[in-house]
Amino acid sequence: MLSRAVAGGEGIINYELGIMNWEVARINKSNLLTADY
């Protein structure tokens, strides 16, 4: 039961990190699109 709760918590953390990485990638992509070469 406890290990399941820990695994669930890690899943939430990984999910949050995934969203953060997606946001960063989206920002980087938009920066690339608007960059002056």
PDB file of N, CA and C in Angstrom:
ATOM      1  N   MET A   1       0.837  -1.201   0.000  1.00  0.00           N
ATOM      2  CA  MET A   1       0.000   0.000   0.000  1.00  0.00           C
ATOM      3  C   MET A   1       0.874   1.255   0.000  1.00  0.00           C
ATOM      4  N   LEU A   2       1.880   1.243   0.879  1.00  0.00           N
ATOM      5  CA  LEU A   2       2.763   2.406   0.971  1.00  0.00           C
ATOM      6  C   LEU A   2       3.558   2.592  -0.321  1.00  0.00           C
ATOM      7  N   SER A   3       4.065   1.466  -0.849  1.00  0.00           N
ATOM      8  CA  SER A   3       4.857   1.556  -2.074  1.00  0.00           C
ATOM      9  C   SER A   3       4.000   2.061  -3.227  1.00  0.00           C
ATOM     10  N   ARG A   4       2.718   1.710  -3.205  1.00  0.00           N
ATOM     11  CA  ARG A   4       1.816   2.183  -4.251  1.00  0.00           C
ATOM     12  C   ARG A   4       1.639   3.701  -4.154  1.00  0.00           C
ATOM     13  N   ALA A   5       1.544   4.209  -2.925  1.00  0.00           N
ATOM     14  CA  ALA A   5       1.405   5.653  -2.721  1.00  0.00           C
ATOM     15  C   ALA A   5       2.665   6.379  -3.194  1.00  0.00           C
ATOM     16  N   VAL A   6       3.828   5.793  -2.894  1.00  0.00           N
ATOM     17  CA  VAL A   6       5.091   6.399  -3.328  1.00  0.00           C
ATOM     18  C   VAL A   6       5.169   6.404  -4.853  1.00  0.00           C
ATOM     19  N   ALA A   7       4.791   5.294  -5.470  1.00  0.00           N
ATOM     20  CA  ALA A   7       4.819   5.211  -6.928  1.00  0.00           C
ATOM     21  C   ALA A   7       3.856   6.228  -7.535  1.00  0.00           C
ATOM     22  N   GLY A   8       2.695   6.402  -6.902  1.00  0.00           N
ATOM     23  CA  GLY A   8       1.727   7.386  -7.385  1.00  0.00           C
ATOM     24  C   GLY A   8       2.279   8.796  -7.283  1.00  0.00           C
ATOM     25  N   GLY A   9       2.970   9.084  -6.163  1.00  0.00           N
ATOM     26  CA  GLY A   9       3.570  10.402  -5.990  1.00  0.00           C
ATOM     27  C   GLY A   9       4.634  10.661  -7.044  1.00  0.00           C
ATOM     28  N   GLU A  10       5.449   9.654  -7.318  1.00  0.00           N
ATOM     29  CA  GLU A  10       6.485   9.811  -8.340  1.00  0.00           C
ATOM     30  C   GLU A  10       5.847  10.015  -9.707  1.00  0.00           C
ATOM     31  N   GLY A  11       4.739   9.339  -9.958  1.00  0.00           N
ATOM     32  CA  GLY A  11       4.043   9.514 -11.233  1.00  0.00           C
ATOM     33  C   GLY A  11       3.565  10.949 -11.406  1.00  0.00           C
ATOM     34  N   ILE A  12       3.046  11.536 -10.316  1.00  0.00           N
ATOM     35  CA  ILE A  12       2.579  12.922 -10.374  1.00  0.00           C
ATOM     36  C   ILE A  12       3.756  13.857 -10.629  1.00  0.00           C
ATOM     37  N   ILE A  13       4.881  13.595  -9.946  1.00  0.00           N
ATOM     38  CA  ILE A  13       6.066  14.438 -10.128  1.00  0.00           C
ATOM     39  C   ILE A  13       6.558  14.341 -11.572  1.00  0.00           C
ATOM     40  N   ASN A  14       6.628  13.126 -12.100  1.00  0.00           N
ATOM     41  CA  ASN A  14       7.077  12.947 -13.480  1.00  0.00           C
ATOM     42  C   ASN A  14       6.131  13.647 -14.445  1.00  0.00           C
ATOM     43  N   TYR A  15       4.834  13.601 -14.144  1.00  0.00           N
ATOM     44  CA  TYR A  15       3.834  14.263 -14.979  1.00  0.00           C
ATOM     45  C   TYR A  15       4.061  15.772 -14.975  1.00  0.00           C
ATOM     46  N   GLU A  16       4.299  16.326 -13.775  1.00  0.00           N
ATOM     47  CA  GLU A  16       4.563  17.762 -13.654  1.00  0.00           C
ATOM     48  C   GLU A  16       5.833  18.136 -14.420  1.00  0.00           C
ATOM     49  N   LEU A  17       6.883  17.336 -14.262  1.00  0.00           N
ATOM     50  CA  LEU A  17       8.133  17.612 -14.977  1.00  0.00           C
ATOM     51  C   LEU A  17       7.916  17.534 -16.478  1.00  0.00           C
ATOM     52  N   GLY A  18       7.108  16.587 -16.915  1.00  0.00           N
ATOM     53  CA  GLY A  18       6.820  16.461 -18.342  1.00  0.00           C
ATOM     54  C   GLY A  18       6.137  17.703 -18.888  1.00  0.00           C
ATOM     55  N   ILE A  19       5.199  18.253 -18.117  1.00  0.00           N
ATOM     56  CA  ILE A  19       4.513  19.476 -18.538  1.00  0.00           C
ATOM     57  C   ILE A  19       5.504  20.629 -18.597  1.00  0.00           C
ATOM     58  N   MET A  20       6.372  20.717 -17.569  1.00  0.00           N
ATOM     59  CA  MET A  20       7.369  21.784 -17.543  1.00  0.00           C
ATOM     60  C   MET A  20       8.292  21.685 -18.749  1.00  0.00           C
ATOM     61  N   ASN A  21       8.764  20.470 -19.055  1.00  0.00           N
ATOM     62  CA  ASN A  21       9.647  20.278 -20.205  1.00  0.00           C
ATOM     63  C   ASN A  21       8.934  20.652 -21.498  1.00  0.00           C
ATOM     64  N   TRP A  22       7.637  20.318 -21.584  1.00  0.00           N
ATOM     65  CA  TRP A  22       6.869  20.646 -22.786  1.00  0.00           C
ATOM     66  C   TRP A  22       6.750  22.158 -22.930  1.00  0.00           C
ATOM     67  N   GLU A  23       6.487  22.846 -21.812  1.00  0.00           N
ATOM     68  CA  GLU A  23       6.390  24.309 -21.840  1.00  0.00           C
ATOM     69  C   GLU A  23       7.720  24.920 -22.282  1.00  0.00           C
ATOM     70  N   VAL A  24       8.824  24.428 -21.723  1.00  0.00           N
ATOM     71  CA  VAL A  24      10.147  24.949 -22.081  1.00  0.00           C
ATOM     72  C   VAL A  24      10.412  24.707 -23.563  1.00  0.00           C
ATOM     73  N   ALA A  25      10.082  23.508 -24.041  1.00  0.00           N
ATOM     74  CA  ALA A  25      10.301  23.200 -25.456  1.00  0.00           C
ATOM     75  C   ALA A  25       9.454  24.105 -26.334  1.00  0.00           C
ATOM     76  N   ARG A  26       8.217  24.371 -25.905  1.00  0.00           N
ATOM     77  CA  ARG A  26       7.325  25.226 -26.688  1.00  0.00           C
ATOM     78  C   ARG A  26       7.874  26.643 -26.745  1.00  0.00           C
ATOM     79  N   ILE A  27       8.382  27.136 -25.599  1.00  0.00           N
ATOM     80  CA  ILE A  27       8.955  28.483 -25.553  1.00  0.00           C
ATOM     81  C   ILE A  27      10.199  28.546 -26.440  1.00  0.00           C
ATOM     82  N   ASN A  28      11.061  27.532 -26.329  1.00  0.00           N
ATOM     83  CA  ASN A  28      12.272  27.499 -27.147  1.00  0.00           C
ATOM     84  C   ASN A  28      11.920  27.474 -28.625  1.00  0.00           C
ATOM     85  N   LYS A  29      10.886  26.713 -28.983  1.00  0.00           N
ATOM     86  CA  LYS A  29      10.478  26.612 -30.378  1.00  0.00           C
ATOM     87  C   LYS A  29       9.992  27.966 -30.885  1.00  0.00           C
ATOM     88  N   SER A  30       9.195  28.669 -30.083  1.00  0.00           N
ATOM     89  CA  SER A  30       8.692  29.974 -30.496  1.00  0.00           C
ATOM     90  C   SER A  30       9.839  30.980 -30.586  1.00  0.00           C
ATOM     91  N   ASN A  31      10.834  30.849 -29.698  1.00  0.00           N
ATOM     92  CA  ASN A  31      12.003  31.724 -29.768  1.00  0.00           C
ATOM     93  C   ASN A  31      12.769  31.472 -31.062  1.00  0.00           C
ATOM     94  N   LEU A  32      12.874  30.190 -31.449  1.00  0.00           N
ATOM     95  CA  LEU A  32      13.561  29.864 -32.692  1.00  0.00           C
ATOM     96  C   LEU A  32      12.814  30.445 -33.892  1.00  0.00           C
ATOM     97  N   LEU A  33      11.488  30.363 -33.849  1.00  0.00           N
ATOM     98  CA  LEU A  33      10.690  30.840 -34.973  1.00  0.00           C
ATOM     99  C   LEU A  33      10.801  32.351 -35.138  1.00  0.00           C
ATOM    100  N   THR A  34      10.949  33.072 -34.009  1.00  0.00           N
ATOM    101  CA  THR A  34      10.976  34.533 -34.075  1.00  0.00           C
ATOM    102  C   THR A  34      12.394  35.085 -34.050  1.00  0.00           C
ATOM    103  N   ALA A  35      13.406  34.197 -34.059  1.00  0.00           N
ATOM    104  CA  ALA A  35      14.796  34.662 -33.971  1.00  0.00           C
ATOM    105  C   ALA A  35      15.199  35.374 -35.264  1.00  0.00           C
ATOM    106  N   ASP A  36      16.015  36.389 -35.116  1.00  0.00           N
ATOM    107  CA  ASP A  36      16.542  37.102 -36.286  1.00  0.00           C
ATOM    108  C   ASP A  36      17.869  36.471 -36.683  1.00  0.00           C
ATOM    109  N   TYR A  37      17.960  36.062 -37.926  1.00  0.00           N
ATOM    110  CA  TYR A  37      19.195  35.442 -38.403  1.00  0.00           C
ATOM    111  C   TYR A  37      19.995  36.437 -39.221  1.00  0.00           C
TER     112      TYR A  37
END
